[in-house]
Amino acid sequence: MYAQARGGTPQTDKVQPVNTGANPYRVIRDWAHIDGRAWGGSNGVAIDKDGRTVWATDRCSPGTTPGCANTSVNPVHHFDESGKEIKSFGGGMFAWPHGIYVDQQGKRGRQVQP
């Protein structure tokens, strides 16, 4: 998932996804947008129970040393089908967010790296 300021390098932008099986998906660069800041490293994406909206986590700040420690920006984001942010939360709660999932009851969770 990419937003206004994408991570990576000019070289990685040219790399196409590789999949040996049938792939019903396509890459849409710059689809989701976080208002007021650039994406940090995105490390978790999950489709909501509704089957249409998307949850994602990011590591709060772009660059070579991303992370959420010592910041109050929100690392957990909920996007509508157009990529517009519906809501976000988690500012000041995480140092290094790692993954996200949505269970069958629609409850969100995240993986925590010790």
PDB file of N, CA and C in Angstrom:
ATOM      1  N   MET A   1       0.843  -1.144   0.000  1.00  0.00           N
ATOM      2  CA  MET A   1       0.000   0.000   0.000  1.00  0.00           C
ATOM      3  C   MET A   1       0.900   1.221   0.000  1.00  0.00           C
ATOM      4  N   TYR A   2       0.628   2.157  -0.879  1.00  0.00           N
ATOM      5  CA  TYR A   2       1.444   3.345  -0.989  1.00  0.00           C
ATOM      6  C   TYR A   2       0.577   4.588  -0.833  1.00  0.00           C
ATOM      7  N   ALA A   3       1.180   5.688  -0.421  1.00  0.00           N
ATOM      8  CA  ALA A   3       0.449   6.946  -0.283  1.00  0.00           C
ATOM      9  C   ALA A   3       1.285   8.076  -0.861  1.00  0.00           C
ATOM     10  N   GLN A   4       1.063   9.306  -0.405  1.00  0.00           N
ATOM     11  CA  GLN A   4       1.689  10.472  -0.992  1.00  0.00           C
ATOM     12  C   GLN A   4       3.198  10.305  -1.176  1.00  0.00           C
ATOM     13  N   ALA A   5       3.911  10.015  -0.130  1.00  0.00           N
ATOM     14  CA  ALA A   5       5.351   9.842  -0.218  1.00  0.00           C
ATOM     15  C   ALA A   5       5.638   8.362  -0.031  1.00  0.00           C
ATOM     16  N   ARG A   6       5.906   7.670  -1.127  1.00  0.00           N
ATOM     17  CA  ARG A   6       6.086   6.236  -0.987  1.00  0.00           C
ATOM     18  C   ARG A   6       7.501   5.924  -0.540  1.00  0.00           C
ATOM     19  N   GLY A   7       7.618   4.812   0.147  1.00  0.00           N
ATOM     20  CA  GLY A   7       8.921   4.369   0.601  1.00  0.00           C
ATOM     21  C   GLY A   7       9.656   3.677  -0.524  1.00  0.00           C
ATOM     22  N   GLY A   8      10.740   3.055  -0.195  1.00  0.00           N
ATOM     23  CA  GLY A   8      11.493   2.347  -1.220  1.00  0.00           C
ATOM     24  C   GLY A   8      12.449   3.267  -1.951  1.00  0.00           C
ATOM     25  N   THR A   9      12.849   2.810  -3.117  1.00  0.00           N
ATOM     26  CA  THR A   9      13.814   3.553  -3.930  1.00  0.00           C
ATOM     27  C   THR A   9      13.302   3.628  -5.359  1.00  0.00           C
ATOM     28  N   PRO A  10      13.908   4.472  -6.195  1.00  0.00           N
ATOM     29  CA  PRO A  10      13.502   4.481  -7.605  1.00  0.00           C
ATOM     30  C   PRO A  10      13.645   3.098  -8.251  1.00  0.00           C
ATOM     31  N   GLN A  11      14.612   2.312  -7.790  1.00  0.00           N
ATOM     32  CA  GLN A  11      14.810   0.973  -8.340  1.00  0.00           C
ATOM     33  C   GLN A  11      13.666   0.039  -7.949  1.00  0.00           C
ATOM     34  N   THR A  12      13.223   0.090  -6.698  1.00  0.00           N
ATOM     35  CA  THR A  12      12.147  -0.817  -6.279  1.00  0.00           C
ATOM     36  C   THR A  12      10.807  -0.404  -6.876  1.00  0.00           C
ATOM     37  N   ASP A  13      10.634   0.869  -7.218  1.00  0.00           N
ATOM     38  CA  ASP A  13       9.398   1.296  -7.883  1.00  0.00           C
ATOM     39  C   ASP A  13       9.228   0.610  -9.238  1.00  0.00           C
ATOM     40  N   LYS A  14      10.321   0.207  -9.857  1.00  0.00           N
ATOM     41  CA  LYS A  14      10.275  -0.418 -11.185  1.00  0.00           C
ATOM     42  C   LYS A  14      10.035  -1.921 -11.127  1.00  0.00           C
ATOM     43  N   VAL A  15      10.138  -2.517  -9.942  1.00  0.00           N
ATOM     44  CA  VAL A  15       9.987  -3.962  -9.799  1.00  0.00           C
ATOM     45  C   VAL A  15       8.502  -4.312  -9.821  1.00  0.00           C
ATOM     46  N   GLN A  16       8.119  -5.199 -10.698  1.00  0.00           N
ATOM     47  CA  GLN A  16       6.734  -5.649 -10.792  1.00  0.00           C
ATOM     48  C   GLN A  16       6.503  -6.809  -9.834  1.00  0.00           C
ATOM     49  N   PRO A  17       5.301  -6.942  -9.269  1.00  0.00           N
ATOM     50  CA  PRO A  17       5.005  -8.073  -8.400  1.00  0.00           C
ATOM     51  C   PRO A  17       5.184  -9.390  -9.158  1.00  0.00           C
ATOM     52  N   VAL A  18       5.660 -10.404  -8.450  1.00  0.00           N
ATOM     53  CA  VAL A  18       5.900 -11.711  -9.062  1.00  0.00           C
ATOM     54  C   VAL A  18       4.957 -12.726  -8.418  1.00  0.00           C
ATOM     55  N   ASN A  19       4.298 -13.499  -9.264  1.00  0.00           N
ATOM     56  CA  ASN A  19       3.392 -14.518  -8.773  1.00  0.00           C
ATOM     57  C   ASN A  19       3.290 -15.575  -9.865  1.00  0.00           C
ATOM     58  N   THR A  20       3.532 -16.832  -9.516  1.00  0.00           N
ATOM     59  CA  THR A  20       3.475 -17.889 -10.525  1.00  0.00           C
ATOM     60  C   THR A  20       2.062 -18.414 -10.745  1.00  0.00           C
ATOM     61  N   GLY A  21       1.146 -18.063  -9.856  1.00  0.00           N
ATOM     62  CA  GLY A  21      -0.236 -18.517 -10.000  1.00  0.00           C
ATOM     63  C   GLY A  21      -1.113 -17.433 -10.592  1.00  0.00           C
ATOM     64  N   ALA A  22      -2.365 -17.774 -10.771  1.00  0.00           N
ATOM     65  CA  ALA A  22      -3.322 -16.789 -11.250  1.00  0.00           C
ATOM     66  C   ALA A  22      -3.422 -15.667 -10.215  1.00  0.00           C
ATOM     67  N   ASN A  23      -3.431 -14.441 -10.654  1.00  0.00           N
ATOM     68  CA  ASN A  23      -3.452 -13.313  -9.746  1.00  0.00           C
ATOM     69  C   ASN A  23      -4.605 -12.380 -10.112  1.00  0.00           C
ATOM     70  N   PRO A  24      -5.660 -12.364  -9.294  1.00  0.00           N
ATOM     71  CA  PRO A  24      -6.800 -11.498  -9.593  1.00  0.00           C
ATOM     72  C   PRO A  24      -6.578 -10.057  -9.152  1.00  0.00           C
ATOM     73  N   TYR A  25      -5.426  -9.752  -8.572  1.00  0.00           N
ATOM     74  CA  TYR A  25      -5.163  -8.431  -8.022  1.00  0.00           C
ATOM     75  C   TYR A  25      -4.304  -7.600  -8.958  1.00  0.00           C
ATOM     76  N   ARG A  26      -4.356  -6.289  -8.754  1.00  0.00           N
ATOM     77  CA  ARG A  26      -3.492  -5.396  -9.512  1.00  0.00           C
ATOM     78  C   ARG A  26      -2.939  -4.351  -8.556  1.00  0.00           C
ATOM     79  N   VAL A  27      -1.780  -3.831  -8.889  1.00  0.00           N
ATOM     80  CA  VAL A  27      -1.140  -2.807  -8.065  1.00  0.00           C
ATOM     81  C   VAL A  27      -1.744  -1.457  -8.429  1.00  0.00           C
ATOM     82  N   ILE A  28      -2.153  -0.715  -7.415  1.00  0.00           N
ATOM     83  CA  ILE A  28      -2.627   0.653  -7.609  1.00  0.00           C
ATOM     84  C   ILE A  28      -1.756   1.538  -6.729  1.00  0.00           C
ATOM     85  N   ARG A  29      -0.773   2.154  -7.324  1.00  0.00           N
ATOM     86  CA  ARG A  29       0.131   3.017  -6.567  1.00  0.00           C
ATOM     87  C   ARG A  29      -0.615   4.273  -6.124  1.00  0.00           C
ATOM     88  N   ASP A  30      -0.248   4.769  -4.947  1.00  0.00           N
ATOM     89  CA  ASP A  30      -0.816   5.999  -4.383  1.00  0.00           C
ATOM     90  C   ASP A  30      -2.309   5.884  -4.108  1.00  0.00           C
ATOM     91  N   TRP A  31      -2.790   4.688  -3.809  1.00  0.00           N
ATOM     92  CA  TRP A  31      -4.218   4.479  -3.576  1.00  0.00           C
ATOM     93  C   TRP A  31      -4.685   5.103  -2.262  1.00  0.00           C
ATOM     94  N   ALA A  32      -4.065   4.772  -1.155  1.00  0.00           N
ATOM     95  CA  ALA A  32      -4.514   5.252   0.151  1.00  0.00           C
ATOM     96  C   ALA A  32      -3.738   6.499   0.557  1.00  0.00           C
ATOM     97  N   HIS A  33      -4.424   7.362   1.292  1.00  0.00           N
ATOM     98  CA  HIS A  33      -3.805   8.621   1.714  1.00  0.00           C
ATOM     99  C   HIS A  33      -4.016   8.848   3.201  1.00  0.00           C
ATOM    100  N   ILE A  34      -2.933   9.168   3.882  1.00  0.00           N
ATOM    101  CA  ILE A  34      -2.991   9.560   5.285  1.00  0.00           C
ATOM    102  C   ILE A  34      -2.920  11.080   5.300  1.00  0.00           C
ATOM    103  N   ASP A  35      -3.901  11.720   5.887  1.00  0.00           N
ATOM    104  CA  ASP A  35      -3.912  13.178   5.906  1.00  0.00           C
ATOM    105  C   ASP A  35      -2.832  13.735   6.822  1.00  0.00           C
ATOM    106  N   GLY A  36      -2.091  14.701   6.305  1.00  0.00           N
ATOM    107  CA  GLY A  36      -1.153  15.446   7.131  1.00  0.00           C
ATOM    108  C   GLY A  36       0.232  14.878   7.305  1.00  0.00           C
ATOM    109  N   ARG A  37       0.519  13.698   6.747  1.00  0.00           N
ATOM    110  CA  ARG A  37       1.881  13.162   6.880  1.00  0.00           C
ATOM    111  C   ARG A  37       2.133  12.088   5.841  1.00  0.00           C
ATOM    112  N   ALA A  38       3.404  11.795   5.647  1.00  0.00           N
ATOM    113  CA  ALA A  38       3.799  10.717   4.739  1.00  0.00           C
ATOM    114  C   ALA A  38       3.692   9.380   5.462  1.00  0.00           C
ATOM    115  N   TRP A  39       3.570   8.312   4.698  1.00  0.00           N
ATOM    116  CA  TRP A  39       3.551   6.954   5.253  1.00  0.00           C
ATOM    117  C   TRP A  39       4.901   6.604   5.844  1.00  0.00           C
ATOM    118  N   GLY A  40       4.869   5.877   6.941  1.00  0.00           N
ATOM    119  CA  GLY A  40       6.057   5.185   7.405  1.00  0.00           C
ATOM    120  C   GLY A  40       6.040   3.824   6.728  1.00  0.00           C
ATOM    121  N   GLY A  41       6.908   2.930   7.097  1.00  0.00           N
ATOM    122  CA  GLY A  41       6.904   1.594   6.511  1.00  0.00           C
ATOM    123  C   GLY A  41       5.583   0.901   6.792  1.00  0.00           C
ATOM    124  N   SER A  42       4.900   0.470   5.746  1.00  0.00           N
ATOM    125  CA  SER A  42       3.630  -0.234   5.928  1.00  0.00           C
ATOM    126  C   SER A  42       3.924  -1.708   6.111  1.00  0.00           C
ATOM    127  N   ASN A  43       3.396  -2.296   7.178  1.00  0.00           N
ATOM    128  CA  ASN A  43       3.742  -3.675   7.489  1.00  0.00           C
ATOM    129  C   ASN A  43       2.550  -4.546   7.835  1.00  0.00           C
ATOM    130  N   GLY A  44       1.365  -4.034   7.593  1.00  0.00           N
ATOM    131  CA  GLY A  44       0.195  -4.840   7.861  1.00  0.00           C
ATOM    132  C   GLY A  44      -1.003  -4.303   7.106  1.00  0.00           C
ATOM    133  N   VAL A  45      -1.706  -5.183   6.422  1.00  0.00           N
ATOM    134  CA  VAL A  45      -2.906  -4.817   5.672  1.00  0.00           C
ATOM    135  C   VAL A  45      -3.922  -5.935   5.857  1.00  0.00           C
ATOM    136  N   ALA A  46      -5.186  -5.569   6.099  1.00  0.00           N
ATOM    137  CA  ALA A  46      -6.242  -6.563   6.258  1.00  0.00           C
ATOM    138  C   ALA A  46      -7.543  -5.993   5.716  1.00  0.00           C
ATOM    139  N   ILE A  47      -8.329  -6.854   5.086  1.00  0.00           N
ATOM    140  CA  ILE A  47      -9.652  -6.468   4.614  1.00  0.00           C
ATOM    141  C   ILE A  47     -10.619  -6.569   5.796  1.00  0.00           C
ATOM    142  N   ASP A  48     -11.462  -5.561   5.955  1.00  0.00           N
ATOM    143  CA  ASP A  48     -12.435  -5.552   7.041  1.00  0.00           C
ATOM    144  C   ASP A  48     -13.472  -6.652   6.847  1.00  0.00           C
ATOM    145  N   LYS A  49     -14.184  -6.955   7.901  1.00  0.00           N
ATOM    146  CA  LYS A  49     -15.266  -7.951   7.858  1.00  0.00           C
ATOM    147  C   LYS A  49     -16.297  -7.594   6.791  1.00  0.00           C
ATOM    148  N   ASP A  50     -16.467  -6.293   6.498  1.00  0.00           N
ATOM    149  CA  ASP A  50     -17.437  -5.865   5.488  1.00  0.00           C
ATOM    150  C   ASP A  50     -17.021  -6.240   4.063  1.00  0.00           C
ATOM    151  N   GLY A  51     -15.760  -6.673   3.889  1.00  0.00           N
ATOM    152  CA  GLY A  51     -15.268  -7.095   2.579  1.00  0.00           C
ATOM    153  C   GLY A  51     -14.940  -5.960   1.632  1.00  0.00           C
ATOM    154  N   ARG A  52     -15.062  -4.721   2.079  1.00  0.00           N
ATOM    155  CA  ARG A  52     -14.834  -3.579   1.200  1.00  0.00           C
ATOM    156  C   ARG A  52     -13.777  -2.609   1.714  1.00  0.00           C
ATOM    157  N   THR A  53     -13.761  -2.375   3.010  1.00  0.00           N
ATOM    158  CA  THR A  53     -12.821  -1.404   3.557  1.00  0.00           C
ATOM    159  C   THR A  53     -11.531  -2.097   3.996  1.00  0.00           C
ATOM    160  N   VAL A  54     -10.490  -1.309   4.196  1.00  0.00           N
ATOM    161  CA  VAL A  54      -9.146  -1.841   4.434  1.00  0.00           C
ATOM    162  C   VAL A  54      -8.560  -1.237   5.709  1.00  0.00           C
ATOM    163  N   TRP A  55      -7.943  -2.089   6.502  1.00  0.00           N
ATOM    164  CA  TRP A  55      -7.173  -1.667   7.676  1.00  0.00           C
ATOM    165  C   TRP A  55      -5.691  -1.803   7.339  1.00  0.00           C
ATOM    166  N   ALA A  56      -4.891  -0.867   7.805  1.00  0.00           N
ATOM    167  CA  ALA A  56      -3.444  -0.941   7.570  1.00  0.00           C
ATOM    168  C   ALA A  56      -2.706  -0.340   8.757  1.00  0.00           C
ATOM    169  N   THR A  57      -1.508  -0.831   8.986  1.00  0.00           N
ATOM    170  CA  THR A  57      -0.633  -0.234   9.987  1.00  0.00           C
ATOM    171  C   THR A  57       0.601   0.299   9.280  1.00  0.00           C
ATOM    172  N   ASP A  58       1.166   1.347   9.856  1.00  0.00           N
ATOM    173  CA  ASP A  58       2.448   1.840   9.339  1.00  0.00           C
ATOM    174  C   ASP A  58       3.326   2.195  10.524  1.00  0.00           C
ATOM    175  N   ARG A  59       4.584   2.425  10.247  1.00  0.00           N
ATOM    176  CA  ARG A  59       5.552   2.679  11.315  1.00  0.00           C
ATOM    177  C   ARG A  59       5.820   4.166  11.514  1.00  0.00           C
ATOM    178  N   CYS A  60       4.811   4.982  11.278  1.00  0.00           N
ATOM    179  CA  CYS A  60       4.741   6.387  11.679  1.00  0.00           C
ATOM    180  C   CYS A  60       5.661   7.363  10.971  1.00  0.00           C
ATOM    181  N   SER A  61       6.847   6.981  10.594  1.00  0.00           N
ATOM    182  CA  SER A  61       7.744   7.935   9.952  1.00  0.00           C
ATOM    183  C   SER A  61       8.526   7.242   8.852  1.00  0.00           C
ATOM    184  N   PRO A  62       8.642   7.895   7.700  1.00  0.00           N
ATOM    185  CA  PRO A  62       9.413   7.301   6.603  1.00  0.00           C
ATOM    186  C   PRO A  62      10.905   7.440   6.857  1.00  0.00           C
ATOM    187  N   GLY A  63      11.691   6.809   6.042  1.00  0.00           N
ATOM    188  CA  GLY A  63      13.141   6.947   6.143  1.00  0.00           C
ATOM    189  C   GLY A  63      13.808   5.666   6.578  1.00  0.00           C
ATOM    190  N   THR A  64      15.072   5.787   6.905  1.00  0.00           N
ATOM    191  CA  THR A  64      15.869   4.607   7.235  1.00  0.00           C
ATOM    192  C   THR A  64      15.656   4.136   8.668  1.00  0.00           C
ATOM    193  N   THR A  65      15.123   4.983   9.548  1.00  0.00           N
ATOM    194  CA  THR A  65      14.859   4.564  10.926  1.00  0.00           C
ATOM    195  C   THR A  65      13.416   4.877  11.295  1.00  0.00           C
ATOM    196  N   PRO A  66      12.469   4.180  10.637  1.00  0.00           N
ATOM    197  CA  PRO A  66      11.070   4.449  10.950  1.00  0.00           C
ATOM    198  C   PRO A  66      10.701   3.905  12.324  1.00  0.00           C
ATOM    199  N   GLY A  67       9.670   4.432  12.883  1.00  0.00           N
ATOM    200  CA  GLY A  67       9.185   3.929  14.162  1.00  0.00           C
ATOM    201  C   GLY A  67       8.206   4.898  14.770  1.00  0.00           C
ATOM    202  N   CYS A  68       7.456   4.423  15.754  1.00  0.00           N
ATOM    203  CA  CYS A  68       6.430   5.231  16.398  1.00  0.00           C
ATOM    204  C   CYS A  68       6.817   5.681  17.796  1.00  0.00           C
ATOM    205  N   ALA A  69       7.957   5.223  18.297  1.00  0.00           N
ATOM    206  CA  ALA A  69       8.382   5.638  19.627  1.00  0.00           C
ATOM    207  C   ALA A  69       8.579   7.153  19.636  1.00  0.00           C
ATOM    208  N   ASN A  70       8.218   7.775  20.721  1.00  0.00           N
ATOM    209  CA  ASN A  70       8.381   9.217  20.905  1.00  0.00           C
ATOM    210  C   ASN A  70       7.588  10.056  19.911  1.00  0.00           C
ATOM    211  N   THR A  71       6.471   9.530  19.444  1.00  0.00           N
ATOM    212  CA  THR A  71       5.584  10.292  18.568  1.00  0.00           C
ATOM    213  C   THR A  71       4.141  10.012  18.965  1.00  0.00           C
ATOM    214  N   SER A  72       3.264  10.923  18.624  1.00  0.00           N
ATOM    215  CA  SER A  72       1.851  10.717  18.942  1.00  0.00           C
ATOM    216  C   SER A  72       1.010  10.490  17.682  1.00  0.00           C
ATOM    217  N   VAL A  73       1.651  10.269  16.526  1.00  0.00           N
ATOM    218  CA  VAL A  73       0.883  10.035  15.300  1.00  0.00           C
ATOM    219  C   VAL A  73       0.266   8.642  15.340  1.00  0.00           C
ATOM    220  N   ASN A  74      -0.851   8.485  14.663  1.00  0.00           N
ATOM    221  CA  ASN A  74      -1.594   7.225  14.673  1.00  0.00           C
ATOM    222  C   ASN A  74      -1.028   6.232  13.658  1.00  0.00           C
ATOM    223  N   PRO A  75      -0.703   5.009  14.087  1.00  0.00           N
ATOM    224  CA  PRO A  75      -0.192   3.998  13.172  1.00  0.00           C
ATOM    225  C   PRO A  75      -1.239   3.024  12.630  1.00  0.00           C
ATOM    226  N   VAL A  76      -2.470   3.066  13.129  1.00  0.00           N
ATOM    227  CA  VAL A  76      -3.516   2.148  12.677  1.00  0.00           C
ATOM    228  C   VAL A  76      -4.541   2.964  11.895  1.00  0.00           C
ATOM    229  N   HIS A  77      -4.804   2.543  10.649  1.00  0.00           N
ATOM    230  CA  HIS A  77      -5.639   3.320   9.735  1.00  0.00           C
ATOM    231  C   HIS A  77      -6.746   2.459   9.140  1.00  0.00           C
ATOM    232  N   HIS A  78      -7.914   3.065   8.944  1.00  0.00           N
ATOM    233  CA  HIS A  78      -9.050   2.412   8.305  1.00  0.00           C
ATOM    234  C   HIS A  78      -9.393   3.242   7.069  1.00  0.00           C
ATOM    235  N   PHE A  79      -9.439   2.595   5.889  1.00  0.00           N
ATOM    236  CA  PHE A  79      -9.668   3.283   4.619  1.00  0.00           C
ATOM    237  C   PHE A  79     -10.944   2.795   3.958  1.00  0.00           C
ATOM    238  N   ASP A  80     -11.635   3.719   3.274  1.00  0.00           N
ATOM    239  CA  ASP A  80     -12.792   3.301   2.489  1.00  0.00           C
ATOM    240  C   ASP A  80     -12.314   2.744   1.147  1.00  0.00           C
ATOM    241  N   GLU A  81     -13.257   2.379   0.291  1.00  0.00           N
ATOM    242  CA  GLU A  81     -12.913   1.740  -0.987  1.00  0.00           C
ATOM    243  C   GLU A  81     -12.116   2.640  -1.917  1.00  0.00           C
ATOM    244  N   SER A  82     -12.226   3.951  -1.748  1.00  0.00           N
ATOM    245  CA  SER A  82     -11.505   4.883  -2.620  1.00  0.00           C
ATOM    246  C   SER A  82     -10.109   5.203  -2.099  1.00  0.00           C
ATOM    247  N   GLY A  83      -9.761   4.717  -0.898  1.00  0.00           N
ATOM    248  CA  GLY A  83      -8.461   4.999  -0.305  1.00  0.00           C
ATOM    249  C   GLY A  83      -8.474   6.178   0.647  1.00  0.00           C
ATOM    250  N   LYS A  84      -9.655   6.747   0.897  1.00  0.00           N
ATOM    251  CA  LYS A  84      -9.767   7.850   1.846  1.00  0.00           C
ATOM    252  C   LYS A  84      -9.768   7.299   3.262  1.00  0.00           C
ATOM    253  N   GLU A  85      -8.994   7.924   4.137  1.00  0.00           N
ATOM    254  CA  GLU A  85      -8.925   7.475   5.520  1.00  0.00           C
ATOM    255  C   GLU A  85     -10.240   7.768   6.239  1.00  0.00           C
ATOM    256  N   ILE A  86     -10.831   6.737   6.824  1.00  0.00           N
ATOM    257  CA  ILE A  86     -12.068   6.859   7.585  1.00  0.00           C
ATOM    258  C   ILE A  86     -11.740   7.275   9.010  1.00  0.00           C
ATOM    259  N   LYS A  87     -10.775   6.600   9.597  1.00  0.00           N
ATOM    260  CA  LYS A  87     -10.337   6.914  10.952  1.00  0.00           C
ATOM    261  C   LYS A  87      -8.954   6.320  11.177  1.00  0.00           C
ATOM    262  N   SER A  88      -8.319   6.785  12.226  1.00  0.00           N
ATOM    263  CA  SER A  88      -7.027   6.223  12.623  1.00  0.00           C
ATOM    264  C   SER A  88      -6.931   6.327  14.141  1.00  0.00           C
ATOM    265  N   PHE A  89      -6.068   5.510  14.715  1.00  0.00           N
ATOM    266  CA  PHE A  89      -5.876   5.539  16.165  1.00  0.00           C
ATOM    267  C   PHE A  89      -4.546   4.897  16.517  1.00  0.00           C
ATOM    268  N   GLY A  90      -4.203   4.923  17.793  1.00  0.00           N
ATOM    269  CA  GLY A  90      -3.007   4.251  18.291  1.00  0.00           C
ATOM    270  C   GLY A  90      -1.836   5.159  18.581  1.00  0.00           C
ATOM    271  N   GLY A  91      -1.987   6.470  18.401  1.00  0.00           N
ATOM    272  CA  GLY A  91      -0.877   7.387  18.681  1.00  0.00           C
ATOM    273  C   GLY A  91      -0.396   7.260  20.116  1.00  0.00           C
ATOM    274  N   GLY A  92       0.907   7.151  20.309  1.00  0.00           N
ATOM    275  CA  GLY A  92       1.491   7.036  21.636  1.00  0.00           C
ATOM    276  C   GLY A  92       1.393   5.658  22.257  1.00  0.00           C
ATOM    277  N   MET A  93       0.801   4.689  21.530  1.00  0.00           N
ATOM    278  CA  MET A  93       0.612   3.348  22.088  1.00  0.00           C
ATOM    279  C   MET A  93       1.645   2.332  21.612  1.00  0.00           C
ATOM    280  N   PHE A  94       2.319   2.604  20.503  1.00  0.00           N
ATOM    281  CA  PHE A  94       3.206   1.619  19.889  1.00  0.00           C
ATOM    282  C   PHE A  94       4.578   2.212  19.616  1.00  0.00           C
ATOM    283  N   ALA A  95       5.597   1.396  19.767  1.00  0.00           N
ATOM    284  CA  ALA A  95       6.943   1.799  19.371  1.00  0.00           C
ATOM    285  C   ALA A  95       7.262   1.262  17.986  1.00  0.00           C
ATOM    286  N   TRP A  96       6.802   0.033  17.702  1.00  0.00           N
ATOM    287  CA  TRP A  96       7.147  -0.637  16.451  1.00  0.00           C
ATOM    288  C   TRP A  96       5.981  -1.532  16.034  1.00  0.00           C
ATOM    289  N   PRO A  97       4.892  -0.959  15.473  1.00  0.00           N
ATOM    290  CA  PRO A  97       3.741  -1.785  15.075  1.00  0.00           C
ATOM    291  C   PRO A  97       4.163  -2.871  14.101  1.00  0.00           C
ATOM    292  N   HIS A  98       3.505  -4.020  14.224  1.00  0.00           N
ATOM    293  CA  HIS A  98       3.914  -5.156  13.398  1.00  0.00           C
ATOM    294  C   HIS A  98       2.704  -6.005  13.043  1.00  0.00           C
ATOM    295  N   GLY A  99       2.063  -5.691  11.927  1.00  0.00           N
ATOM    296  CA  GLY A  99       0.972  -6.515  11.421  1.00  0.00           C
ATOM    297  C   GLY A  99      -0.397  -6.133  11.960  1.00  0.00           C
ATOM    298  N   ILE A 100      -1.429  -6.606  11.269  1.00  0.00           N
ATOM    299  CA  ILE A 100      -2.810  -6.382  11.686  1.00  0.00           C
ATOM    300  C   ILE A 100      -3.672  -7.493  11.098  1.00  0.00           C
ATOM    301  N   TYR A 101      -4.777  -7.803  11.764  1.00  0.00           N
ATOM    302  CA  TYR A 101      -5.732  -8.771  11.221  1.00  0.00           C
ATOM    303  C   TYR A 101      -7.133  -8.369  11.671  1.00  0.00           C
ATOM    304  N   VAL A 102      -8.136  -8.877  10.988  1.00  0.00           N
ATOM    305  CA  VAL A 102      -9.537  -8.692  11.356  1.00  0.00           C
ATOM    306  C   VAL A 102     -10.133 -10.085  11.465  1.00  0.00           C
ATOM    307  N   ASP A 103     -10.709 -10.414  12.630  1.00  0.00           N
ATOM    308  CA  ASP A 103     -11.267 -11.762  12.795  1.00  0.00           C
ATOM    309  C   ASP A 103     -12.695 -11.832  12.256  1.00  0.00           C
ATOM    310  N   GLN A 104     -13.322 -12.997  12.355  1.00  0.00           N
ATOM    311  CA  GLN A 104     -14.648 -13.209  11.786  1.00  0.00           C
ATOM    312  C   GLN A 104     -15.723 -12.371  12.455  1.00  0.00           C
ATOM    313  N   GLN A 105     -15.478 -11.938  13.676  1.00  0.00           N
ATOM    314  CA  GLN A 105     -16.433 -11.078  14.370  1.00  0.00           C
ATOM    315  C   GLN A 105     -16.166  -9.600  14.082  1.00  0.00           C
ATOM    316  N   GLY A 106     -15.148  -9.314  13.288  1.00  0.00           N
ATOM    317  CA  GLY A 106     -14.821  -7.928  12.959  1.00  0.00           C
ATOM    318  C   GLY A 106     -13.917  -7.253  13.974  1.00  0.00           C
ATOM    319  N   LYS A 107     -13.368  -8.048  14.905  1.00  0.00           N
ATOM    320  CA  LYS A 107     -12.461  -7.468  15.889  1.00  0.00           C
ATOM    321  C   LYS A 107     -11.067  -7.353  15.273  1.00  0.00           C
ATOM    322  N   ARG A 108     -10.447  -6.212  15.513  1.00  0.00           N
ATOM    323  CA  ARG A 108      -9.110  -5.978  14.994  1.00  0.00           C
ATOM    324  C   ARG A 108      -8.088  -6.374  16.030  1.00  0.00           C
ATOM    325  N   GLY A 109      -6.947  -6.786  15.567  1.00  0.00           N
ATOM    326  CA  GLY A 109      -5.843  -7.107  16.458  1.00  0.00           C
ATOM    327  C   GLY A 109      -4.553  -6.758  15.760  1.00  0.00           C
ATOM    328  N   ARG A 110      -3.500  -6.818  16.460  1.00  0.00           N
ATOM    329  CA  ARG A 110      -2.210  -6.557  15.858  1.00  0.00           C
ATOM    330  C   ARG A 110      -1.193  -7.486  16.471  1.00  0.00           C
ATOM    331  N   GLN A 111      -0.184  -7.740  15.694  1.00  0.00           N
ATOM    332  CA  GLN A 111       0.900  -8.568  16.197  1.00  0.00           C
ATOM    333  C   GLN A 111       1.893  -7.651  16.886  1.00  0.00           C
ATOM    334  N   VAL A 112       2.435  -8.092  17.977  1.00  0.00           N
ATOM    335  CA  VAL A 112       3.399  -7.293  18.714  1.00  0.00           C
ATOM    336  C   VAL A 112       4.736  -7.994  18.679  1.00  0.00           C
ATOM    337  N   GLN A 113       5.747  -7.252  18.324  1.00  0.00           N
ATOM    338  CA  GLN A 113       7.089  -7.809  18.285  1.00  0.00           C
ATOM    339  C   GLN A 113       7.762  -7.523  19.618  1.00  0.00           C
ATOM    340  N   PRO A 114       8.232  -8.572  20.323  1.00  0.00           N
ATOM    341  CA  PRO A 114       8.830  -8.342  21.649  1.00  0.00           C
ATOM    342  C   PRO A 114      10.113  -7.537  21.575  1.00  0.00           C
TER     343      PRO A 114
END
